[in-house]
Amino acid sequence: MVGNTRRFKQHHQAACTELDGEVALFQSNTCEYLVLNETGSAIWNALKVQPTLVELCKHLEGEYEVTPDECKTSVEAWLEAALEKKVIAVVDD
């Protein structure tokens, strides 16, 4: 579960590059390769400051026309999938 107070960061073993305005990721441990769309790329780039779910949603709501509930649901799903693929990590307390 993602939770509202956990902070997230880019996984140290996820290499990234930008291709035509989208982020491409390679997770060296799992050999997973992902190309993120515009929104996924915005989330990835926002992870540089190790935000919480709430902080991520505030950032995205300012950039995209999305309701708070839609944003929270979508970002939670993205974070859970990214955690599973080990391209992001939870910041240790």
PDB file of N, CA and C in Angstrom:
ATOM      1  N   MET A   1       0.840  -1.192   0.000  1.00  0.00           N
ATOM      2  CA  MET A   1       0.000   0.000   0.000  1.00  0.00           C
ATOM      3  C   MET A   1       0.884   1.255   0.000  1.00  0.00           C
ATOM      4  N   VAL A   2       0.461   2.236  -0.750  1.00  0.00           N
ATOM      5  CA  VAL A   2       1.257   3.440  -0.940  1.00  0.00           C
ATOM      6  C   VAL A   2       1.219   4.349   0.285  1.00  0.00           C
ATOM      7  N   GLY A   3       0.047   4.706   0.781  1.00  0.00           N
ATOM      8  CA  GLY A   3      -0.076   5.578   1.948  1.00  0.00           C
ATOM      9  C   GLY A   3       0.193   7.038   1.632  1.00  0.00           C
ATOM     10  N   ASN A   4      -0.362   7.919   2.445  1.00  0.00           N
ATOM     11  CA  ASN A   4      -0.252   9.361   2.207  1.00  0.00           C
ATOM     12  C   ASN A   4       1.037   9.979   2.735  1.00  0.00           C
ATOM     13  N   THR A   5       1.703   9.334   3.702  1.00  0.00           N
ATOM     14  CA  THR A   5       2.856   9.964   4.345  1.00  0.00           C
ATOM     15  C   THR A   5       4.197   9.396   3.889  1.00  0.00           C
ATOM     16  N   ARG A   6       4.179   8.285   3.160  1.00  0.00           N
ATOM     17  CA  ARG A   6       5.431   7.719   2.661  1.00  0.00           C
ATOM     18  C   ARG A   6       6.011   8.620   1.576  1.00  0.00           C
ATOM     19  N   ARG A   7       7.316   8.691   1.527  1.00  0.00           N
ATOM     20  CA  ARG A   7       8.004   9.467   0.496  1.00  0.00           C
ATOM     21  C   ARG A   7       8.609   8.495  -0.518  1.00  0.00           C
ATOM     22  N   PHE A   8       8.632   8.929  -1.769  1.00  0.00           N
ATOM     23  CA  PHE A   8       9.088   8.064  -2.849  1.00  0.00           C
ATOM     24  C   PHE A   8      10.257   8.704  -3.583  1.00  0.00           C
ATOM     25  N   LYS A   9      11.109   7.843  -4.125  1.00  0.00           N
ATOM     26  CA  LYS A   9      12.279   8.319  -4.863  1.00  0.00           C
ATOM     27  C   LYS A   9      12.525   7.401  -6.053  1.00  0.00           C
ATOM     28  N   GLN A  10      13.323   7.884  -6.974  1.00  0.00           N
ATOM     29  CA  GLN A  10      13.756   7.068  -8.090  1.00  0.00           C
ATOM     30  C   GLN A  10      14.684   5.984  -7.543  1.00  0.00           C
ATOM     31  N   HIS A  11      14.509   4.756  -8.002  1.00  0.00           N
ATOM     32  CA  HIS A  11      15.365   3.656  -7.544  1.00  0.00           C
ATOM     33  C   HIS A  11      16.779   3.876  -8.076  1.00  0.00           C
ATOM     34  N   HIS A  12      17.763   3.643  -7.235  1.00  0.00           N
ATOM     35  CA  HIS A  12      19.152   3.900  -7.632  1.00  0.00           C
ATOM     36  C   HIS A  12      19.631   2.998  -8.766  1.00  0.00           C
ATOM     37  N   GLN A  13      18.950   1.884  -9.012  1.00  0.00           N
ATOM     38  CA  GLN A  13      19.353   0.994 -10.100  1.00  0.00           C
ATOM     39  C   GLN A  13      18.510   1.189 -11.358  1.00  0.00           C
ATOM     40  N   ALA A  14      17.690   2.233 -11.381  1.00  0.00           N
ATOM     41  CA  ALA A  14      16.889   2.525 -12.571  1.00  0.00           C
ATOM     42  C   ALA A  14      17.602   3.611 -13.371  1.00  0.00           C
ATOM     43  N   ALA A  15      18.112   3.231 -14.511  1.00  0.00           N
ATOM     44  CA  ALA A  15      18.763   4.196 -15.404  1.00  0.00           C
ATOM     45  C   ALA A  15      17.681   4.840 -16.263  1.00  0.00           C
ATOM     46  N   CYS A  16      17.835   6.130 -16.516  1.00  0.00           N
ATOM     47  CA  CYS A  16      16.806   6.805 -17.316  1.00  0.00           C
ATOM     48  C   CYS A  16      17.431   7.708 -18.359  1.00  0.00           C
ATOM     49  N   THR A  17      16.663   7.908 -19.413  1.00  0.00           N
ATOM     50  CA  THR A  17      17.041   8.854 -20.455  1.00  0.00           C
ATOM     51  C   THR A  17      15.761   9.415 -21.043  1.00  0.00           C
ATOM     52  N   GLU A  18      15.855  10.566 -21.665  1.00  0.00           N
ATOM     53  CA  GLU A  18      14.683  11.175 -22.275  1.00  0.00           C
ATOM     54  C   GLU A  18      14.714  10.928 -23.781  1.00  0.00           C
ATOM     55  N   LEU A  19      13.583  10.443 -24.300  1.00  0.00           N
ATOM     56  CA  LEU A  19      13.434  10.173 -25.725  1.00  0.00           C
ATOM     57  C   LEU A  19      12.186  10.880 -26.229  1.00  0.00           C
ATOM     58  N   ASP A  20      12.344  11.863 -27.066  1.00  0.00           N
ATOM     59  CA  ASP A  20      11.209  12.598 -27.634  1.00  0.00           C
ATOM     60  C   ASP A  20      10.249  13.106 -26.563  1.00  0.00           C
ATOM     61  N   GLY A  21      10.794  13.641 -25.482  1.00  0.00           N
ATOM     62  CA  GLY A  21       9.973  14.217 -24.433  1.00  0.00           C
ATOM     63  C   GLY A  21       9.396  13.225 -23.439  1.00  0.00           C
ATOM     64  N   GLU A  22       9.690  11.946 -23.611  1.00  0.00           N
ATOM     65  CA  GLU A  22       9.224  10.929 -22.676  1.00  0.00           C
ATOM     66  C   GLU A  22      10.434  10.267 -22.022  1.00  0.00           C
ATOM     67  N   VAL A  23      10.238   9.770 -20.829  1.00  0.00           N
ATOM     68  CA  VAL A  23      11.316   9.132 -20.082  1.00  0.00           C
ATOM     69  C   VAL A  23      11.324   7.633 -20.380  1.00  0.00           C
ATOM     70  N   ALA A  24      12.497   7.117 -20.676  1.00  0.00           N
ATOM     71  CA  ALA A  24      12.695   5.681 -20.845  1.00  0.00           C
ATOM     72  C   ALA A  24      13.515   5.200 -19.655  1.00  0.00           C
ATOM     73  N   LEU A  25      13.069   4.112 -19.035  1.00  0.00           N
ATOM     74  CA  LEU A  25      13.731   3.565 -17.840  1.00  0.00           C
ATOM     75  C   LEU A  25      14.236   2.158 -18.101  1.00  0.00           C
ATOM     76  N   PHE A  26      15.357   1.831 -17.500  1.00  0.00           N
ATOM     77  CA  PHE A  26      15.886   0.469 -17.517  1.00  0.00           C
ATOM     78  C   PHE A  26      16.281   0.122 -16.098  1.00  0.00           C
ATOM     79  N   GLN A  27      15.707  -0.936 -15.569  1.00  0.00           N
ATOM     80  CA  GLN A  27      16.025  -1.411 -14.226  1.00  0.00           C
ATOM     81  C   GLN A  27      17.045  -2.533 -14.376  1.00  0.00           C
ATOM     82  N   SER A  28      18.275  -2.258 -13.984  1.00  0.00           N
ATOM     83  CA  SER A  28      19.359  -3.204 -14.237  1.00  0.00           C
ATOM     84  C   SER A  28      19.227  -4.517 -13.464  1.00  0.00           C
ATOM     85  N   ASN A  29      18.603  -4.490 -12.307  1.00  0.00           N
ATOM     86  CA  ASN A  29      18.432  -5.725 -11.522  1.00  0.00           C
ATOM     87  C   ASN A  29      17.451  -6.685 -12.179  1.00  0.00           C
ATOM     88  N   THR A  30      16.346  -6.147 -12.690  1.00  0.00           N
ATOM     89  CA  THR A  30      15.278  -6.983 -13.233  1.00  0.00           C
ATOM     90  C   THR A  30      15.271  -7.019 -14.758  1.00  0.00           C
ATOM     91  N   CYS A  31      16.106  -6.185 -15.386  1.00  0.00           N
ATOM     92  CA  CYS A  31      16.155  -6.043 -16.848  1.00  0.00           C
ATOM     93  C   CYS A  31      14.823  -5.573 -17.430  1.00  0.00           C
ATOM     94  N   GLU A  32      14.049  -4.847 -16.621  1.00  0.00           N
ATOM     95  CA  GLU A  32      12.787  -4.249 -17.091  1.00  0.00           C
ATOM     96  C   GLU A  32      13.108  -2.981 -17.861  1.00  0.00           C
ATOM     97  N   TYR A  33      12.420  -2.780 -18.981  1.00  0.00           N
ATOM     98  CA  TYR A  33      12.566  -1.581 -19.786  1.00  0.00           C
ATOM     99  C   TYR A  33      11.184  -0.964 -19.923  1.00  0.00           C
ATOM    100  N   LEU A  34      11.053   0.305 -19.586  1.00  0.00           N
ATOM    101  CA  LEU A  34       9.761   0.988 -19.641  1.00  0.00           C
ATOM    102  C   LEU A  34       9.909   2.332 -20.331  1.00  0.00           C
ATOM    103  N   VAL A  35       8.913   2.692 -21.109  1.00  0.00           N
ATOM    104  CA  VAL A  35       8.839   4.037 -21.671  1.00  0.00           C
ATOM    105  C   VAL A  35       7.598   4.676 -21.064  1.00  0.00           C
ATOM    106  N   LEU A  36       7.799   5.788 -20.376  1.00  0.00           N
ATOM    107  CA  LEU A  36       6.709   6.458 -19.680  1.00  0.00           C
ATOM    108  C   LEU A  36       6.036   7.482 -20.594  1.00  0.00           C
ATOM    109  N   ASN A  37       4.721   7.603 -20.465  1.00  0.00           N
ATOM    110  CA  ASN A  37       4.016   8.643 -21.207  1.00  0.00           C
ATOM    111  C   ASN A  37       4.259   9.989 -20.528  1.00  0.00           C
ATOM    112  N   GLU A  38       3.596  11.020 -21.011  1.00  0.00           N
ATOM    113  CA  GLU A  38       3.821  12.376 -20.485  1.00  0.00           C
ATOM    114  C   GLU A  38       3.554  12.459 -18.985  1.00  0.00           C
ATOM    115  N   THR A  39       2.464  11.872 -18.539  1.00  0.00           N
ATOM    116  CA  THR A  39       2.118  11.931 -17.122  1.00  0.00           C
ATOM    117  C   THR A  39       3.087  11.104 -16.287  1.00  0.00           C
ATOM    118  N   GLY A  40       3.397   9.901 -16.747  1.00  0.00           N
ATOM    119  CA  GLY A  40       4.374   9.072 -16.044  1.00  0.00           C
ATOM    120  C   GLY A  40       5.733   9.757 -15.969  1.00  0.00           C
ATOM    121  N   SER A  41       6.107  10.437 -17.035  1.00  0.00           N
ATOM    122  CA  SER A  41       7.366  11.181 -17.052  1.00  0.00           C
ATOM    123  C   SER A  41       7.337  12.320 -16.045  1.00  0.00           C
ATOM    124  N   ALA A  42       6.180  12.995 -15.925  1.00  0.00           N
ATOM    125  CA  ALA A  42       6.042  14.084 -14.944  1.00  0.00           C
ATOM    126  C   ALA A  42       6.177  13.540 -13.524  1.00  0.00           C
ATOM    127  N   ILE A  43       5.586  12.381 -13.264  1.00  0.00           N
ATOM    128  CA  ILE A  43       5.710  11.761 -11.938  1.00  0.00           C
ATOM    129  C   ILE A  43       7.172  11.391 -11.688  1.00  0.00           C
ATOM    130  N   TRP A  44       7.796  10.744 -12.655  1.00  0.00           N
ATOM    131  CA  TRP A  44       9.197  10.332 -12.514  1.00  0.00           C
ATOM    132  C   TRP A  44      10.088  11.528 -12.177  1.00  0.00           C
ATOM    133  N   ASN A  45       9.922  12.604 -12.930  1.00  0.00           N
ATOM    134  CA  ASN A  45      10.750  13.789 -12.707  1.00  0.00           C
ATOM    135  C   ASN A  45      10.475  14.427 -11.342  1.00  0.00           C
ATOM    136  N   ALA A  46       9.225  14.374 -10.885  1.00  0.00           N
ATOM    137  CA  ALA A  46       8.870  14.935  -9.583  1.00  0.00           C
ATOM    138  C   ALA A  46       9.482  14.132  -8.437  1.00  0.00           C
ATOM    139  N   LEU A  47       9.829  12.880  -8.683  1.00  0.00           N
ATOM    140  CA  LEU A  47      10.399  12.029  -7.632  1.00  0.00           C
ATOM    141  C   LEU A  47      11.799  12.468  -7.206  1.00  0.00           C
ATOM    142  N   LYS A  48      12.404  13.378  -7.947  1.00  0.00           N
ATOM    143  CA  LYS A  48      13.738  13.862  -7.594  1.00  0.00           C
ATOM    144  C   LYS A  48      13.752  14.541  -6.231  1.00  0.00           C
ATOM    145  N   VAL A  49      12.594  15.090  -5.803  1.00  0.00           N
ATOM    146  CA  VAL A  49      12.520  15.777  -4.506  1.00  0.00           C
ATOM    147  C   VAL A  49      11.893  14.898  -3.419  1.00  0.00           C
ATOM    148  N   GLN A  50      11.721  13.607  -3.717  1.00  0.00           N
ATOM    149  CA  GLN A  50      11.205  12.620  -2.768  1.00  0.00           C
ATOM    150  C   GLN A  50       9.869  13.039  -2.138  1.00  0.00           C
ATOM    151  N   PRO A  51       8.836  13.222  -2.976  1.00  0.00           N
ATOM    152  CA  PRO A  51       7.536  13.681  -2.488  1.00  0.00           C
ATOM    153  C   PRO A  51       6.692  12.561  -1.879  1.00  0.00           C
ATOM    154  N   THR A  52       5.671  12.990  -1.148  1.00  0.00           N
ATOM    155  CA  THR A  52       4.627  12.078  -0.689  1.00  0.00           C
ATOM    156  C   THR A  52       3.578  11.982  -1.796  1.00  0.00           C
ATOM    157  N   LEU A  53       2.637  11.080  -1.638  1.00  0.00           N
ATOM    158  CA  LEU A  53       1.513  10.964  -2.576  1.00  0.00           C
ATOM    159  C   LEU A  53       0.760  12.283  -2.657  1.00  0.00           C
ATOM    160  N   VAL A  54       0.501  12.905  -1.523  1.00  0.00           N
ATOM    161  CA  VAL A  54      -0.237  14.168  -1.474  1.00  0.00           C
ATOM    162  C   VAL A  54       0.525  15.255  -2.236  1.00  0.00           C
ATOM    163  N   GLU A  55       1.829  15.339  -2.035  1.00  0.00           N
ATOM    164  CA  GLU A  55       2.643  16.339  -2.727  1.00  0.00           C
ATOM    165  C   GLU A  55       2.672  16.089  -4.234  1.00  0.00           C
ATOM    166  N   LEU A  56       2.762  14.823  -4.628  1.00  0.00           N
ATOM    167  CA  LEU A  56       2.726  14.490  -6.047  1.00  0.00           C
ATOM    168  C   LEU A  56       1.412  14.925  -6.677  1.00  0.00           C
ATOM    169  N   CYS A  57       0.316  14.631  -5.991  1.00  0.00           N
ATOM    170  CA  CYS A  57      -1.007  14.987  -6.520  1.00  0.00           C
ATOM    171  C   CYS A  57      -1.170  16.505  -6.637  1.00  0.00           C
ATOM    172  N   LYS A  58      -0.726  17.248  -5.649  1.00  0.00           N
ATOM    173  CA  LYS A  58      -0.801  18.719  -5.728  1.00  0.00           C
ATOM    174  C   LYS A  58      -0.048  19.215  -6.948  1.00  0.00           C
ATOM    175  N   HIS A  59       1.128  18.674  -7.169  1.00  0.00           N
ATOM    176  CA  HIS A  59       1.944  19.059  -8.323  1.00  0.00           C
ATOM    177  C   HIS A  59       1.211  18.750  -9.633  1.00  0.00           C
ATOM    178  N   LEU A  60       0.675  17.549  -9.749  1.00  0.00           N
ATOM    179  CA  LEU A  60       0.008  17.135 -10.986  1.00  0.00           C
ATOM    180  C   LEU A  60      -1.313  17.856 -11.214  1.00  0.00           C
ATOM    181  N   GLU A  61      -2.045  18.130 -10.147  1.00  0.00           N
ATOM    182  CA  GLU A  61      -3.307  18.858 -10.283  1.00  0.00           C
ATOM    183  C   GLU A  61      -3.067  20.259 -10.831  1.00  0.00           C
ATOM    184  N   GLY A  62      -1.885  20.825 -10.553  1.00  0.00           N
ATOM    185  CA  GLY A  62      -1.537  22.132 -11.085  1.00  0.00           C
ATOM    186  C   GLY A  62      -1.172  22.093 -12.560  1.00  0.00           C
ATOM    187  N   GLU A  63      -0.747  20.922 -13.043  1.00  0.00           N
ATOM    188  CA  GLU A  63      -0.326  20.785 -14.433  1.00  0.00           C
ATOM    189  C   GLU A  63      -1.398  20.224 -15.351  1.00  0.00           C
ATOM    190  N   TYR A  64      -2.284  19.404 -14.808  1.00  0.00           N
ATOM    191  CA  TYR A  64      -3.270  18.700 -15.623  1.00  0.00           C
ATOM    192  C   TYR A  64      -4.677  18.977 -15.097  1.00  0.00           C
ATOM    193  N   GLU A  65      -5.650  18.880 -15.994  1.00  0.00           N
ATOM    194  CA  GLU A  65      -7.046  19.025 -15.591  1.00  0.00           C
ATOM    195  C   GLU A  65      -7.518  17.673 -15.046  1.00  0.00           C
ATOM    196  N   VAL A  66      -7.450  17.545 -13.756  1.00  0.00           N
ATOM    197  CA  VAL A  66      -7.817  16.296 -13.102  1.00  0.00           C
ATOM    198  C   VAL A  66      -8.362  16.625 -11.720  1.00  0.00           C
ATOM    199  N   THR A  67      -9.367  15.875 -11.301  1.00  0.00           N
ATOM    200  CA  THR A  67      -9.913  16.091  -9.965  1.00  0.00           C
ATOM    201  C   THR A  67      -8.968  15.469  -8.936  1.00  0.00           C
ATOM    202  N   PRO A  68      -9.029  15.947  -7.700  1.00  0.00           N
ATOM    203  CA  PRO A  68      -8.176  15.351  -6.664  1.00  0.00           C
ATOM    204  C   PRO A  68      -8.370  13.846  -6.517  1.00  0.00           C
ATOM    205  N   ASP A  69      -9.618  13.379  -6.580  1.00  0.00           N
ATOM    206  CA  ASP A  69      -9.870  11.939  -6.429  1.00  0.00           C
ATOM    207  C   ASP A  69      -9.299  11.133  -7.593  1.00  0.00           C
ATOM    208  N   GLU A  70      -9.480  11.638  -8.822  1.00  0.00           N
ATOM    209  CA  GLU A  70      -8.936  10.957  -9.995  1.00  0.00           C
ATOM    210  C   GLU A  70      -7.413  10.912  -9.930  1.00  0.00           C
ATOM    211  N   CYS A  71      -6.828  12.021  -9.522  1.00  0.00           N
ATOM    212  CA  CYS A  71      -5.378  12.106  -9.429  1.00  0.00           C
ATOM    213  C   CYS A  71      -4.843  11.109  -8.407  1.00  0.00           C
ATOM    214  N   LYS A  72      -5.453  11.085  -7.243  1.00  0.00           N
ATOM    215  CA  LYS A  72      -4.992  10.189  -6.173  1.00  0.00           C
ATOM    216  C   LYS A  72      -5.072   8.729  -6.618  1.00  0.00           C
ATOM    217  N   THR A  73      -6.187   8.359  -7.230  1.00  0.00           N
ATOM    218  CA  THR A  73      -6.365   6.983  -7.683  1.00  0.00           C
ATOM    219  C   THR A  73      -5.330   6.607  -8.734  1.00  0.00           C
ATOM    220  N   SER A  74      -5.121   7.484  -9.699  1.00  0.00           N
ATOM    221  CA  SER A  74      -4.172   7.204 -10.781  1.00  0.00           C
ATOM    222  C   SER A  74      -2.731   7.179 -10.286  1.00  0.00           C
ATOM    223  N   VAL A  75      -2.372   8.135  -9.446  1.00  0.00           N
ATOM    224  CA  VAL A  75      -0.992   8.198  -8.956  1.00  0.00           C
ATOM    225  C   VAL A  75      -0.703   7.015  -8.033  1.00  0.00           C
ATOM    226  N   GLU A  76      -1.652   6.640  -7.201  1.00  0.00           N
ATOM    227  CA  GLU A  76      -1.464   5.453  -6.346  1.00  0.00           C
ATOM    228  C   GLU A  76      -1.193   4.221  -7.198  1.00  0.00           C
ATOM    229  N   ALA A  77      -1.977   4.041  -8.255  1.00  0.00           N
ATOM    230  CA  ALA A  77      -1.796   2.883  -9.132  1.00  0.00           C
ATOM    231  C   ALA A  77      -0.422   2.927  -9.804  1.00  0.00           C
ATOM    232  N   TRP A  78      -0.012   4.113 -10.246  1.00  0.00           N
ATOM    233  CA  TRP A  78       1.296   4.267 -10.893  1.00  0.00           C
ATOM    234  C   TRP A  78       2.411   3.925  -9.911  1.00  0.00           C
ATOM    235  N   LEU A  79       2.322   4.466  -8.707  1.00  0.00           N
ATOM    236  CA  LEU A  79       3.351   4.215  -7.698  1.00  0.00           C
ATOM    237  C   LEU A  79       3.433   2.733  -7.348  1.00  0.00           C
ATOM    238  N   GLU A  80       2.288   2.081  -7.187  1.00  0.00           N
ATOM    239  CA  GLU A  80       2.289   0.658  -6.847  1.00  0.00           C
ATOM    240  C   GLU A  80       2.926  -0.172  -7.956  1.00  0.00           C
ATOM    241  N   ALA A  81       2.598   0.149  -9.210  1.00  0.00           N
ATOM    242  CA  ALA A  81       3.197  -0.581 -10.333  1.00  0.00           C
ATOM    243  C   ALA A  81       4.698  -0.316 -10.413  1.00  0.00           C
ATOM    244  N   ALA A  82       5.107   0.921 -10.196  1.00  0.00           N
ATOM    245  CA  ALA A  82       6.520   1.282 -10.258  1.00  0.00           C
ATOM    246  C   ALA A  82       7.306   0.635  -9.118  1.00  0.00           C
ATOM    247  N   LEU A  83       6.692   0.532  -7.939  1.00  0.00           N
ATOM    248  CA  LEU A  83       7.335  -0.165  -6.821  1.00  0.00           C
ATOM    249  C   LEU A  83       7.518  -1.638  -7.155  1.00  0.00           C
ATOM    250  N   GLU A  84       6.495  -2.234  -7.748  1.00  0.00           N
ATOM    251  CA  GLU A  84       6.550  -3.648  -8.114  1.00  0.00           C
ATOM    252  C   GLU A  84       7.655  -3.912  -9.140  1.00  0.00           C
ATOM    253  N   LYS A  85       7.829  -2.983 -10.072  1.00  0.00           N
ATOM    254  CA  LYS A  85       8.852  -3.130 -11.111  1.00  0.00           C
ATOM    255  C   LYS A  85      10.231  -2.660 -10.631  1.00  0.00           C
ATOM    256  N   LYS A  86      10.272  -2.141  -9.411  1.00  0.00           N
ATOM    257  CA  LYS A  86      11.516  -1.694  -8.772  1.00  0.00           C
ATOM    258  C   LYS A  86      12.213  -0.553  -9.517  1.00  0.00           C
ATOM    259  N   VAL A  87      11.407   0.343 -10.103  1.00  0.00           N
ATOM    260  CA  VAL A  87      12.000   1.546 -10.705  1.00  0.00           C
ATOM    261  C   VAL A  87      11.909   2.727  -9.751  1.00  0.00           C
ATOM    262  N   ILE A  88      11.093   2.583  -8.698  1.00  0.00           N
ATOM    263  CA  ILE A  88      11.056   3.571  -7.620  1.00  0.00           C
ATOM    264  C   ILE A  88      11.202   2.833  -6.300  1.00  0.00           C
ATOM    265  N   ALA A  89      11.448   3.603  -5.254  1.00  0.00           N
ATOM    266  CA  ALA A  89      11.601   3.014  -3.918  1.00  0.00           C
ATOM    267  C   ALA A  89      10.983   3.951  -2.892  1.00  0.00           C
ATOM    268  N   VAL A  90      10.672   3.395  -1.745  1.00  0.00           N
ATOM    269  CA  VAL A  90      10.187   4.177  -0.617  1.00  0.00           C
ATOM    270  C   VAL A  90      11.413   4.727   0.107  1.00  0.00           C
ATOM    271  N   VAL A  91      11.361   5.992   0.477  1.00  0.00           N
ATOM    272  CA  VAL A  91      12.453   6.620   1.223  1.00  0.00           C
ATOM    273  C   VAL A  91      12.441   6.063   2.637  1.00  0.00           C
ATOM    274  N   ASP A  92      13.588   5.578   3.086  1.00  0.00           N
ATOM    275  CA  ASP A  92      13.691   5.060   4.455  1.00  0.00           C
ATOM    276  C   ASP A  92      13.573   6.209   5.444  1.00  0.00           C
ATOM    277  N   ASP A  93      12.868   5.944   6.530  1.00  0.00           N
ATOM    278  CA  ASP A  93      12.719   6.962   7.581  1.00  0.00           C
ATOM    279  C   ASP A  93      13.995   7.192   8.341  1.00  0.00           C
TER     280      ASP A  93
END
